[in-house]
Amino acid sequence: MASVSSIVKLGSLIAGLVNDFESFPKEFEEHFTADSLEVIHNAMAVLMANYGYTEEEAKNILKEEILSLERKMLDEYDAWKSSPSFKSDDMRRYMALCILGAGGACHVQANSPRYHGIQLSTTAEDRAKLVGRNETNYKLHGYPSPALYKHNAETPSRRTEIVGEGEGDILAPFERAPAEQICMAPYEYTRSMPGKKTIGNFIESIRSWLDLPDHSASVIERVASMLFHSSLMIDDIEDESMLRRGKPAAHLVFGKSQTVNSATYLYARATRELNQLQKPECSKAFLDELETLALGQALDLYWKFQEKCPTTREYFTMIDNKTGGFFRMALRLMEIESNVEPCPDLMYLVTLLGRYYQIRDDYMNLTSDEYTGTKGYCEDLSEGKFSFPLVHALQHSPVADQIRGLLFHRENGGDLSLEMKEYIVSVMRDAGSLSHARDTAMLLFDALMETSERVEAKLGPNKRLKALLLWLKM
């Protein structure tokens, strides 16, 4: 029905406007007699009372609108009929009846004794009193102004009366909504949760290699923090997470709509903060990485919705774009503000850090008691997300189909039971997926340390970065 809903709605609209056209004299008399002209709901009356058209002008306008809608309905019907999409015989018959029904409704109303051939006590002169009655003086785009209606400037209009009655707020100039605290509440709630503050620590550790002013460092840290926490709030909604760092996720406290609004507001705030940086090139780097973050998230969501297991290489591409994007954005902004030549080894270190951070998180989500306490037991399985160990298990386990069945074909879309999660984890362990994830993380960590030493050989020792990496070691 979605493919033809607009055609059906056009038919209903045409029938309604034709009814207004044909029934107007009778409807006017009923409301005139009952002294209720202010509530007459008829297109003819609206054109006369609100726009100042005469009855004849209103008729011509309504005729033109009806004919235009009829042409549009037939054009859409012809386009639907000739489209390659499948159309059952029942649907074809239904649409033919809709077209005939619209025409039949017009014919019946044009000849109905209910509207025509009846004796009315009101006249055209009475109906002419509707012209400009509401003193709104609206303009109808696409049609000429009324030929006969002249608004009397000396007569106090309804607008003047309303303002005079102390309701001037409706005509007041624009005022920025005092709702910043409301917008920021989900963000402040999420930001206040205990966390690793990895992005902030990363920025501080890299600063020792760059001649970065304190002001620029503070701005970059605020921008990165806003985007990072914005992504956390959106992630929790998209993944239907219940917990974030041991507390109810923001969308459970503030509602999904308000949390989404807060997350999108943060993009605007982050952009405004970015304008405080000295170098205009920062805007391009910021937008580049903002797009990259969305592309990485798109892959993650696409695989989950389509139940499509990525390859290992595809999974690392997602990590590099999504998780690594925050570190890369911070580094690019710092390098631009410091006015130094980009260091390829330093950028490679950031890529490795993003990969290690994500693989470590995937592994800990399935094995760590600490993660269970803050996010729930095996939350990634509850969310149906493709983590690194899961990708390996689906590629190597002899019972991979059983995992797929449990993850993607749940009754009523509910959560997995504790026993189901424990079974999937045991399958991963038997397939060597958990040990593979741990070994991969350690391989990445070793590469991180080697790369940091190469960077130190070029830029000087960095104890703060070494401490950060050792703090993140499993």
Protein backbone atom coordinates (compact mmCIF):
# COMPACT_ATOMS: atom_id res chain seq x y z
CA MET A 1 0.00 0.00 0.00
CA ALA A 2 2.91 2.37 0.53
CA SER A 3 3.52 2.61 -3.22
CA VAL A 4 0.00 3.90 -3.87
CA SER A 5 -0.80 5.77 -0.65
CA SER A 6 -0.17 9.19 -2.23
CA ILE A 7 -2.60 8.37 -5.07
CA VAL A 8 -5.31 7.30 -2.61
CA LYS A 9 -4.77 10.47 -0.54
CA LEU A 10 -5.12 12.60 -3.68
CA GLY A 11 -8.46 10.94 -4.42
CA SER A 12 -9.73 11.72 -0.92
CA LEU A 13 -8.52 15.32 -1.17
CA ILE A 14 -10.23 15.80 -4.54
CA ALA A 15 -13.52 14.41 -3.21
CA GLY A 16 -13.30 16.69 -0.15
CA LEU A 17 -12.65 19.86 -2.17
CA VAL A 18 -15.44 19.04 -4.62
CA ASN A 19 -17.76 18.58 -1.66
CA ASP A 20 -16.77 22.05 -0.38
CA PHE A 21 -17.36 23.52 -3.84
CA GLU A 22 -20.82 22.01 -4.32
CA SER A 23 -22.09 22.26 -0.73
CA PHE A 24 -21.00 25.81 0.02
CA PRO A 25 -24.39 27.61 -0.34
CA LYS A 26 -26.11 25.00 1.85
CA GLU A 27 -23.33 24.96 4.47
CA PHE A 28 -23.33 28.75 4.59
CA GLU A 29 -27.07 28.83 5.23
CA GLU A 30 -26.78 26.31 8.07
CA HIS A 31 -24.06 28.32 9.83
CA PHE A 32 -25.72 31.67 9.04
CA THR A 33 -28.96 30.49 10.60
CA ALA A 34 -27.13 29.12 13.65
CA ASP A 35 -25.01 32.29 13.95
CA SER A 36 -21.82 30.18 13.75
CA LEU A 37 -20.06 31.52 10.66
CA GLU A 38 -16.78 31.69 12.58
CA VAL A 39 -16.56 27.88 12.58
CA ILE A 40 -17.63 27.11 9.02
CA HIS A 41 -15.09 24.58 7.72
CA ASN A 42 -15.35 24.93 3.97
CA ALA A 43 -12.62 25.82 1.46
CA MET A 44 -14.88 28.39 -0.22
CA ALA A 45 -15.52 30.11 3.10
CA VAL A 46 -11.79 30.11 3.94
CA LEU A 47 -10.90 31.76 0.62
CA MET A 48 -13.56 34.42 1.12
CA ALA A 49 -13.20 35.13 4.85
CA ASN A 50 -9.42 34.81 5.24
CA TYR A 51 -8.13 35.81 1.80
CA GLY A 52 -10.77 38.35 0.74
CA TYR A 53 -11.89 36.67 -2.50
CA THR A 54 -15.42 37.05 -3.83
CA GLU A 55 -17.55 33.94 -4.22
CA GLU A 56 -16.90 33.84 -7.96
CA GLU A 57 -13.14 34.26 -7.48
CA ALA A 58 -13.12 31.52 -4.83
CA LYS A 59 -15.00 29.20 -7.21
CA ASN A 60 -12.45 29.73 -9.95
CA ILE A 61 -9.54 29.12 -7.58
CA LEU A 62 -11.11 25.94 -6.21
CA LYS A 63 -11.88 24.66 -9.72
CA GLU A 64 -8.28 25.21 -10.75
CA GLU A 65 -6.97 23.43 -7.66
CA ILE A 66 -9.29 20.45 -8.18
CA LEU A 67 -8.34 20.10 -11.85
CA SER A 68 -4.64 20.32 -10.94
CA LEU A 69 -5.05 17.59 -8.32
CA GLU A 70 -6.96 15.40 -10.77
CA ARG A 71 -4.16 15.71 -13.32
CA LYS A 72 -1.60 14.90 -10.65
CA MET A 73 -3.58 11.85 -9.52
CA LEU A 74 -3.82 10.48 -13.07
CA ASP A 75 -0.13 11.16 -13.72
CA GLU A 76 0.88 9.31 -10.56
CA TYR A 77 -1.48 6.46 -11.42
CA ASP A 78 0.02 6.16 -14.93
CA ALA A 79 3.54 6.23 -13.47
CA TRP A 80 2.64 3.51 -10.95
CA LYS A 81 0.93 1.37 -13.59
CA SER A 82 3.93 1.53 -15.94
CA SER A 83 6.56 1.01 -13.21
CA PRO A 84 8.40 -2.37 -13.15
CA SER A 85 7.38 -3.15 -9.55
CA PHE A 86 5.15 -6.19 -8.98
CA LYS A 87 1.40 -5.47 -8.86
CA SER A 88 -1.06 -8.17 -7.90
CA ASP A 89 -4.41 -8.41 -9.67
CA ASP A 90 -6.14 -7.38 -6.44
CA MET A 91 -3.97 -4.26 -6.22
CA ARG A 92 -4.68 -3.34 -9.84
CA ARG A 93 -8.43 -3.72 -9.27
CA TYR A 94 -8.19 -1.71 -6.05
CA MET A 95 -6.43 1.16 -7.80
CA ALA A 96 -8.90 1.15 -10.68
CA LEU A 97 -11.71 1.44 -8.14
CA CYS A 98 -9.88 4.33 -6.42
CA ILE A 99 -9.71 6.27 -9.69
CA LEU A 100 -13.35 5.50 -10.51
CA GLY A 101 -14.36 6.26 -6.93
CA ALA A 102 -12.80 9.73 -7.04
CA GLY A 103 -14.59 10.51 -10.29
CA GLY A 104 -17.83 9.02 -9.02
CA ALA A 105 -17.69 11.09 -5.85
CA CYS A 106 -17.28 14.25 -7.93
CA HIS A 107 -20.19 13.32 -10.19
CA VAL A 108 -22.52 12.46 -7.31
CA GLN A 109 -21.83 15.71 -5.45
CA ALA A 110 -22.23 17.79 -8.60
CA ASN A 111 -25.71 16.35 -9.11
CA SER A 112 -26.82 15.62 -5.56
CA PRO A 113 -30.31 16.94 -4.68
CA ARG A 114 -28.89 17.54 -1.22
CA TYR A 115 -26.95 20.50 -2.60
CA HIS A 116 -28.79 21.44 -5.78
CA GLY A 117 -32.39 22.32 -6.53
CA ILE A 118 -33.23 23.14 -2.92
CA GLN A 119 -34.81 26.38 -1.76
CA LEU A 120 -32.43 28.52 0.32
CA SER A 121 -33.39 31.49 2.45
CA THR A 122 -29.92 33.08 2.13
CA THR A 123 -28.68 34.78 -1.03
CA ALA A 124 -25.42 35.55 -2.80
CA GLU A 125 -25.54 38.96 -1.13
CA ASP A 126 -25.61 37.26 2.27
CA ARG A 127 -22.67 35.06 1.33
CA ALA A 128 -20.75 38.14 0.14
CA LYS A 129 -20.63 39.26 3.78
CA LEU A 130 -17.99 36.58 4.30
CA VAL A 131 -15.48 38.50 2.15
CA GLY A 132 -12.70 39.70 4.46
CA ARG A 133 -14.78 38.85 7.50
CA ASN A 134 -11.81 37.55 9.53
CA GLU A 135 -9.62 40.57 8.64
CA THR A 136 -6.55 38.37 8.33
CA ASN A 137 -5.65 39.61 4.84
CA TYR A 138 -3.70 36.44 3.97
CA LYS A 139 -1.94 36.16 0.59
CA LEU A 140 -2.55 33.11 -1.60
CA HIS A 141 0.64 32.27 -3.48
CA GLY A 142 0.20 31.46 -7.15
CA TYR A 143 -3.02 33.47 -7.52
CA PRO A 144 -3.69 37.18 -8.05
CA SER A 145 -4.86 39.32 -5.17
CA PRO A 146 -8.63 39.73 -4.77
CA ALA A 147 -10.01 42.17 -7.33
CA LEU A 148 -12.78 43.65 -5.20
CA TYR A 149 -11.70 43.23 -1.57
CA LYS A 150 -10.12 46.38 -0.12
CA HIS A 151 -8.89 46.27 3.44
CA ASN A 152 -9.97 49.37 5.33
CA ALA A 153 -6.79 50.64 6.98
CA GLU A 154 -8.79 52.90 9.27
CA THR A 155 -10.71 50.01 10.76
CA PRO A 156 -8.89 48.33 13.65
CA SER A 157 -7.92 44.85 12.47
CA ARG A 158 -8.12 41.69 14.49
CA ARG A 159 -4.31 41.78 14.74
CA THR A 160 -4.46 45.20 16.41
CA GLU A 161 -7.21 44.02 18.74
CA ILE A 162 -5.21 40.97 19.78
CA VAL A 163 -2.09 43.00 20.46
CA GLY A 164 -4.14 45.53 22.33
CA GLU A 165 -5.48 42.78 24.54
CA GLY A 166 -1.99 42.07 25.86
CA GLU A 167 -1.18 39.13 23.59
CA GLY A 168 1.70 40.88 21.83
CA ASP A 169 3.99 37.85 22.36
CA ILE A 170 2.61 36.24 19.20
CA LEU A 171 4.11 39.09 17.14
CA ALA A 172 7.34 39.44 19.12
CA PRO A 173 10.69 39.12 17.29
CA PHE A 174 12.77 35.94 17.37
CA GLU A 175 14.15 34.96 20.75
CA ARG A 176 16.70 32.19 21.23
CA ALA A 177 15.19 29.40 23.33
CA PRO A 178 16.62 29.29 26.87
CA ALA A 179 17.04 25.52 26.59
CA GLU A 180 20.81 25.02 26.60
CA GLN A 181 20.72 23.27 29.96
CA ILE A 182 18.04 20.90 28.66
CA CYS A 183 20.09 20.16 25.53
CA MET A 184 23.26 19.52 27.49
CA ALA A 185 21.75 17.43 30.31
CA PRO A 186 22.18 13.98 28.63
CA TYR A 187 25.76 14.92 27.67
CA GLU A 188 26.65 16.16 31.16
CA TYR A 189 25.12 12.99 32.63
CA THR A 190 27.17 10.75 30.33
CA ARG A 191 30.34 12.80 30.77
CA SER A 192 30.06 12.63 34.56
CA MET A 193 30.27 8.84 34.57
CA PRO A 194 33.57 7.34 35.72
CA GLY A 195 35.66 6.43 32.68
CA LYS A 196 39.16 6.04 31.32
CA LYS A 197 39.27 9.54 29.76
CA THR A 198 41.51 7.98 27.13
CA ILE A 199 41.05 10.74 24.53
CA GLY A 200 41.99 13.48 27.01
CA ASN A 201 45.01 11.53 28.24
CA PHE A 202 46.06 10.86 24.65
CA ILE A 203 45.96 14.58 23.80
CA GLU A 204 48.02 15.44 26.87
CA SER A 205 50.60 12.77 26.08
CA ILE A 206 51.03 13.85 22.44
CA ARG A 207 51.41 17.53 23.43
CA SER A 208 54.94 16.94 24.66
CA TRP A 209 55.99 16.31 21.05
CA LEU A 210 54.19 19.36 19.68
CA ASP A 211 54.51 23.06 20.42
CA LEU A 212 50.79 23.34 21.13
CA PRO A 213 49.45 26.40 23.02
CA ASP A 214 47.43 25.66 26.16
CA HIS A 215 44.36 27.35 24.69
CA SER A 216 44.47 25.20 21.55
CA ALA A 217 44.94 22.03 23.59
CA SER A 218 41.91 22.88 25.74
CA VAL A 219 39.75 23.56 22.67
CA ILE A 220 40.79 20.32 20.96
CA GLU A 221 40.14 18.33 24.12
CA ARG A 222 36.65 19.85 24.49
CA VAL A 223 35.83 19.17 20.82
CA ALA A 224 37.03 15.56 21.05
CA SER A 225 35.16 15.03 24.32
CA MET A 226 31.89 16.35 22.89
CA LEU A 227 32.10 14.16 19.80
CA PHE A 228 33.20 11.11 21.78
CA HIS A 229 30.36 11.34 24.30
CA SER A 230 27.89 12.20 21.54
CA SER A 231 28.86 8.96 19.82
CA LEU A 232 28.45 7.03 23.09
CA MET A 233 24.90 8.31 23.52
CA ILE A 234 23.98 7.48 19.93
CA ASP A 235 25.69 4.07 20.17
CA ASP A 236 23.68 3.19 23.28
CA ILE A 237 20.44 4.03 21.49
CA GLU A 238 21.36 2.16 18.31
CA ASP A 239 22.57 -0.85 20.31
CA GLU A 240 19.66 -0.67 22.79
CA SER A 241 22.17 -0.72 25.65
CA MET A 242 20.81 -0.58 29.18
CA LEU A 243 24.02 0.37 30.99
CA ARG A 244 26.86 2.78 30.40
CA ARG A 245 29.75 2.45 32.86
CA GLY A 246 27.54 0.83 35.47
CA LYS A 247 24.76 3.43 35.29
CA PRO A 248 21.54 3.57 33.25
CA ALA A 249 22.29 4.75 29.71
CA ALA A 250 21.35 8.37 28.99
CA HIS A 251 18.38 7.49 26.76
CA LEU A 252 16.78 5.56 29.62
CA VAL A 253 17.08 8.58 31.90
CA PHE A 254 16.20 11.38 29.46
CA GLY A 255 14.36 9.51 26.70
CA LYS A 256 15.60 8.56 23.25
CA SER A 257 14.38 11.72 21.52
CA GLN A 258 16.00 14.12 23.99
CA THR A 259 19.24 12.13 23.94
CA VAL A 260 19.38 12.19 20.13
CA ASN A 261 18.72 15.93 20.23
CA SER A 262 21.52 16.41 22.76
CA ALA A 263 23.93 14.36 20.63
CA THR A 264 23.18 16.37 17.49
CA TYR A 265 23.38 19.64 19.45
CA LEU A 266 26.90 18.63 20.47
CA TYR A 267 27.98 18.63 16.82
CA ALA A 268 26.96 22.28 16.61
CA ARG A 269 28.68 23.08 19.91
CA ALA A 270 31.84 21.27 18.83
CA THR A 271 31.89 23.20 15.55
CA ARG A 272 31.53 26.48 17.45
CA GLU A 273 34.37 25.46 19.77
CA LEU A 274 36.51 24.59 16.76
CA ASN A 275 36.23 28.16 15.49
CA GLN A 276 38.36 29.23 18.46
CA LEU A 277 41.40 27.51 16.96
CA GLN A 278 43.90 29.71 15.14
CA LYS A 279 44.38 27.82 11.87
CA PRO A 280 41.52 27.74 9.32
CA GLU A 281 42.79 24.37 8.03
CA CYS A 282 41.41 22.83 11.23
CA SER A 283 37.87 23.00 9.83
CA LYS A 284 38.72 20.72 6.90
CA ALA A 285 40.45 18.18 9.14
CA PHE A 286 37.49 18.27 11.53
CA LEU A 287 34.93 17.70 8.77
CA ASP A 288 37.06 14.99 7.14
CA GLU A 289 37.20 12.97 10.33
CA LEU A 290 33.56 13.66 11.19
CA GLU A 291 32.58 12.07 7.87
CA THR A 292 34.98 9.21 8.49
CA LEU A 293 33.44 8.50 11.90
CA ALA A 294 30.00 8.26 10.29
CA LEU A 295 31.30 5.92 7.58
CA GLY A 296 32.76 3.59 10.19
CA GLN A 297 29.54 3.62 12.17
CA ALA A 298 27.61 2.91 8.98
CA LEU A 299 29.50 -0.34 8.44
CA ASP A 300 28.90 -1.44 12.03
CA LEU A 301 25.16 -0.77 11.79
CA TYR A 302 24.85 -2.25 8.29
CA TRP A 303 26.40 -5.56 9.29
CA LYS A 304 24.16 -5.81 12.33
CA PHE A 305 20.94 -5.01 10.47
CA GLN A 306 21.76 -7.23 7.48
CA GLU A 307 23.15 -9.99 9.74
CA LYS A 308 26.20 -9.99 7.45
CA CYS A 309 29.46 -11.14 8.97
CA PRO A 310 32.39 -8.98 7.80
CA THR A 311 35.80 -10.30 6.89
CA THR A 312 38.69 -9.58 9.23
CA ARG A 313 39.97 -6.93 6.85
CA GLU A 314 36.53 -5.28 6.65
CA TYR A 315 36.33 -5.28 10.44
CA PHE A 316 39.67 -3.50 10.73
CA THR A 317 38.50 -0.94 8.16
CA MET A 318 35.49 -0.24 10.37
CA ILE A 319 37.75 0.16 13.42
CA ASP A 320 40.12 2.51 11.59
CA ASN A 321 37.21 4.73 10.58
CA LYS A 322 35.09 4.56 13.74
CA THR A 323 37.25 3.96 16.81
CA GLY A 324 40.49 5.33 15.38
CA GLY A 325 38.69 8.40 14.05
CA PHE A 326 38.65 10.15 17.43
CA PHE A 327 42.40 9.73 17.95
CA ARG A 328 43.14 10.70 14.35
CA MET A 329 40.98 13.83 14.53
CA ALA A 330 42.73 14.96 17.71
CA LEU A 331 46.18 14.34 16.21
CA ARG A 332 45.42 16.17 12.95
CA LEU A 333 44.06 19.20 14.80
CA MET A 334 47.08 19.30 17.10
CA GLU A 335 49.55 19.03 14.21
CA ILE A 336 47.80 21.85 12.31
CA GLU A 337 47.66 24.13 15.35
CA SER A 338 51.30 23.39 16.16
CA ASN A 339 52.37 24.25 12.62
CA VAL A 340 54.57 21.15 12.39
CA GLU A 341 55.07 18.71 9.55
CA PRO A 342 52.86 15.61 9.96
CA CYS A 343 54.80 12.60 11.18
CA PRO A 344 53.79 9.39 9.31
CA ASP A 345 54.96 7.15 12.15
CA LEU A 346 52.89 9.15 14.62
CA MET A 347 49.80 8.77 12.41
CA TYR A 348 50.50 5.03 12.13
CA LEU A 349 50.76 4.86 15.92
CA VAL A 350 47.28 6.40 16.13
CA THR A 351 45.94 3.77 13.70
CA LEU A 352 47.42 0.97 15.80
CA LEU A 353 46.04 2.56 18.97
CA GLY A 354 42.51 2.59 17.54
CA ARG A 355 42.77 -1.07 16.54
CA TYR A 356 44.23 -2.15 19.86
CA TYR A 357 41.64 -0.16 21.80
CA GLN A 358 38.74 -1.82 19.93
CA ILE A 359 40.09 -5.40 19.95
CA ARG A 360 40.90 -5.02 23.65
CA ASP A 361 37.36 -3.77 24.29
CA ASP A 362 35.85 -6.66 22.28
CA TYR A 363 37.86 -9.20 24.26
CA MET A 364 37.20 -7.64 27.65
CA ASN A 365 33.47 -7.41 26.92
CA LEU A 366 33.33 -11.21 26.80
CA THR A 367 35.82 -12.08 29.55
CA SER A 368 36.14 -9.25 32.09
CA ASP A 369 34.24 -9.16 35.38
CA GLU A 370 34.82 -5.39 35.45
CA TYR A 371 33.05 -4.99 32.12
CA THR A 372 30.21 -7.18 33.34
CA GLY A 373 29.73 -4.84 36.29
CA THR A 374 29.68 -1.67 34.19
CA LYS A 375 28.02 -2.80 30.95
CA GLY A 376 26.35 -6.13 31.73
CA TYR A 377 27.44 -9.68 30.93
CA CYS A 378 28.58 -10.04 27.30
CA GLU A 379 26.70 -6.91 26.23
CA ASP A 380 28.01 -7.18 22.66
CA LEU A 381 26.13 -10.47 22.31
CA SER A 382 22.94 -8.89 23.66
CA GLU A 383 23.24 -6.15 21.06
CA GLY A 384 23.90 -8.58 18.21
CA LYS A 385 27.06 -6.67 17.26
CA PHE A 386 29.88 -8.22 15.28
CA SER A 387 32.91 -8.13 17.58
CA PHE A 388 36.36 -9.38 16.63
CA PRO A 389 36.01 -12.72 18.51
CA LEU A 390 32.54 -13.25 17.03
CA VAL A 391 33.79 -12.66 13.48
CA HIS A 392 36.51 -15.27 14.07
CA ALA A 393 34.04 -17.77 15.57
CA LEU A 394 31.58 -17.43 12.69
CA GLN A 395 34.43 -18.06 10.26
CA HIS A 396 36.05 -21.00 12.10
CA SER A 397 33.57 -22.74 14.42
CA PRO A 398 31.93 -25.95 13.15
CA VAL A 399 28.72 -24.84 14.88
CA ALA A 400 28.71 -21.27 13.53
CA ASP A 401 25.12 -21.72 12.35
CA GLN A 402 24.03 -22.32 15.93
CA ILE A 403 25.58 -19.00 16.96
CA ARG A 404 23.78 -17.27 14.08
CA GLY A 405 20.49 -18.83 15.14
CA LEU A 406 20.84 -17.66 18.72
CA LEU A 407 22.01 -14.14 17.82
CA PHE A 408 19.76 -13.28 14.90
CA HIS A 409 16.57 -15.29 15.38
CA ARG A 410 15.48 -14.55 18.93
CA GLU A 411 11.88 -14.91 20.00
CA ASN A 412 10.14 -11.52 20.18
CA GLY A 413 13.53 -9.83 19.66
CA GLY A 414 14.37 -10.27 23.35
CA ASP A 415 17.74 -10.49 25.08
CA LEU A 416 19.77 -13.67 25.18
CA SER A 417 19.51 -15.65 28.38
CA LEU A 418 22.56 -16.15 30.58
CA GLU A 419 22.75 -19.77 29.43
CA MET A 420 22.70 -18.74 25.75
CA LYS A 421 25.51 -16.25 26.27
CA GLU A 422 27.58 -18.78 28.20
CA TYR A 423 27.07 -21.28 25.38
CA ILE A 424 28.20 -18.81 22.70
CA VAL A 425 31.26 -17.88 24.77
CA SER A 426 32.11 -21.57 25.17
CA VAL A 427 31.82 -22.05 21.39
CA MET A 428 34.16 -19.08 20.89
CA ARG A 429 36.62 -20.56 23.37
CA ASP A 430 36.52 -23.97 21.65
CA ALA A 431 37.07 -22.32 18.25
CA GLY A 432 40.08 -20.45 19.60
CA SER A 433 38.35 -17.11 19.01
CA LEU A 434 39.02 -15.68 22.47
CA SER A 435 42.69 -16.64 22.44
CA HIS A 436 42.95 -15.30 18.88
CA ALA A 437 41.49 -11.95 20.02
CA ARG A 438 43.87 -11.81 23.00
CA ASP A 439 46.88 -12.70 20.84
CA THR A 440 45.88 -10.13 18.22
CA ALA A 441 45.55 -7.45 20.89
CA MET A 442 48.98 -8.30 22.30
CA LEU A 443 50.48 -8.26 18.79
CA LEU A 444 49.00 -4.80 18.27
CA PHE A 445 50.30 -3.67 21.66
CA ASP A 446 53.84 -4.79 20.79
CA ALA A 447 53.57 -2.93 17.48
CA LEU A 448 52.36 0.13 19.39
CA MET A 449 55.40 0.08 21.64
CA GLU A 450 57.78 -0.41 18.70
CA THR A 451 56.17 2.43 16.76
CA SER A 452 56.27 4.74 19.78
CA GLU A 453 60.02 4.07 20.04
CA ARG A 454 60.49 5.05 16.39
CA VAL A 455 58.57 8.27 17.00
CA GLU A 456 60.64 8.95 20.12
CA ALA A 457 63.79 8.55 18.05
CA LYS A 458 62.55 11.39 15.82
CA LEU A 459 60.70 13.65 18.26
CA GLY A 460 62.24 12.86 21.65
CA PRO A 461 61.29 10.76 24.71
CA ASN A 462 57.64 10.70 25.81
CA LYS A 463 57.15 9.11 29.23
CA ARG A 464 53.53 10.24 29.40
CA LEU A 465 52.61 8.32 26.23
CA LYS A 466 54.48 5.22 27.43
CA ALA A 467 52.56 5.41 30.71
CA LEU A 468 49.25 5.70 28.83
CA LEU A 469 50.02 2.66 26.68
CA LEU A 470 51.11 0.58 29.68
CA TRP A 471 47.93 1.64 31.50
CA LEU A 472 45.87 0.28 28.58
CA LYS A 473 47.78 -3.01 28.45
CA MET A 474 45.66 -6.08 29.18
